[in-house]
Protein backbone atom coordinates (compact mmCIF):
# COMPACT_ATOMS: atom_id res chain seq x y z
CA MET A 1 -66.63 3.35 -44.63
CA MET A 2 -62.85 3.23 -44.67
CA GLN A 3 -62.73 3.36 -40.85
CA PHE A 4 -64.45 -0.03 -40.74
CA TYR A 5 -62.02 -1.49 -43.25
CA TYR A 6 -58.95 -0.08 -41.51
CA LYS A 7 -60.20 -1.29 -38.15
CA LYS A 8 -60.64 -4.78 -39.60
CA ILE A 9 -57.06 -4.69 -40.88
CA TYR A 10 -55.73 -3.60 -37.48
CA LEU A 11 -57.77 -6.31 -35.73
CA ILE A 12 -56.35 -8.98 -38.04
CA CYS A 13 -52.80 -7.68 -37.50
CA ALA A 14 -53.41 -7.83 -33.75
CA GLY A 15 -54.55 -11.46 -34.03
CA TYR A 16 -58.32 -10.92 -33.80
CA PHE A 17 -59.96 -12.64 -36.76
CA THR A 18 -63.63 -12.34 -35.76
CA ASP A 19 -65.83 -9.29 -35.17
CA ASP A 20 -67.08 -10.49 -31.78
CA VAL A 21 -64.23 -8.61 -30.07
CA SER A 22 -65.28 -5.27 -31.61
CA ASP A 23 -67.27 -4.25 -28.54
CA TYR A 24 -64.32 -4.97 -26.26
CA LEU A 25 -61.80 -3.24 -28.53
CA SER A 26 -63.99 -0.25 -29.39
CA LYS A 27 -62.33 1.64 -26.51
CA ASP A 28 -58.87 0.11 -26.86
CA PRO A 29 -56.33 2.93 -26.35
CA VAL A 30 -54.03 1.82 -29.18
CA LEU A 31 -56.80 1.43 -31.75
CA THR A 32 -58.59 4.62 -30.77
CA ASN A 33 -55.29 6.49 -30.97
CA CYS A 34 -54.63 5.06 -34.45
CA PHE A 35 -57.95 6.45 -35.62
CA GLY A 36 -57.89 9.62 -33.52
CA LYS A 37 -61.28 8.84 -31.94
CA GLN A 38 -62.51 8.14 -28.43
CA ASN A 39 -64.70 5.20 -29.48
CA LEU A 40 -64.74 2.91 -32.48
CA ALA A 41 -67.63 1.06 -34.06
CA SER A 42 -69.32 -1.66 -32.04
CA GLN A 43 -69.91 -5.20 -33.26
CA LEU A 44 -73.54 -4.36 -34.05
CA THR A 45 -72.53 -1.37 -36.19
CA ARG A 46 -69.95 -3.49 -38.01
CA SER A 47 -72.58 -6.16 -38.69
CA ARG A 48 -75.01 -3.59 -40.10
CA PHE A 49 -72.25 -2.17 -42.26
CA GLY A 50 -71.38 -5.62 -43.61
CA SER A 51 -74.97 -6.47 -44.46
CA ARG A 52 -75.38 -3.27 -46.53
CA LEU A 53 -72.44 -3.88 -48.87
CA ASP A 54 -73.37 -4.05 -52.53
CA GLU A 55 -71.49 -5.52 -55.49
CA ILE A 56 -69.75 -2.23 -56.38
CA THR A 57 -68.54 -1.70 -52.81
CA LEU A 58 -67.29 -5.27 -52.58
CA ARG A 59 -65.30 -4.81 -55.80
CA GLN A 60 -63.79 -1.59 -54.43
CA LEU A 61 -62.84 -3.27 -51.17
CA TYR A 62 -61.31 -6.16 -53.11
CA LYS A 63 -59.16 -3.70 -55.10
CA ILE A 64 -58.05 -2.04 -51.86
CA THR A 65 -57.22 -5.45 -50.38
CA CYS A 66 -55.15 -6.39 -53.45
CA ALA A 67 -53.26 -3.08 -53.32
CA LEU A 68 -52.53 -3.46 -49.61
CA ARG A 69 -51.46 -7.06 -50.05
CA LYS A 70 -49.13 -6.10 -52.90
CA ARG A 71 -47.62 -3.33 -50.81
CA ILE A 72 -47.14 -5.55 -47.76
CA TYR A 73 -45.54 -8.36 -49.76
CA SER A 74 -43.18 -5.89 -51.46
CA VAL A 75 -41.46 -5.09 -48.16
CA VAL A 76 -38.02 -6.69 -48.19
CA GLN A 77 -36.60 -7.87 -44.91
CA PRO A 78 -33.03 -6.82 -44.24
CA PRO A 79 -30.42 -9.56 -44.08
CA ARG A 80 -30.19 -11.17 -40.69
CA ILE A 81 -27.10 -10.53 -38.66
CA LEU A 82 -25.97 -12.85 -35.90
CA LEU A 83 -24.46 -10.95 -33.01
CA VAL A 84 -22.23 -12.94 -30.73
């Protein structure tokens, strides 16, 4: 289950906000390397996964999302330096 969630996060970070690119990116070398697999889930598999989520799972995913968001927003950018 977590593979689907992590893949969704990576897709969003890469600028892909819909699942229709899942088939194309299921063999993407960067994504497959991140997960240590040769192939990732197809769009059909992701759709089936999404339709089977129950209330408990959705609450768990929401907690994970909140934790990740909190961690991401806690990163402090270093001061900018202008090199001339």
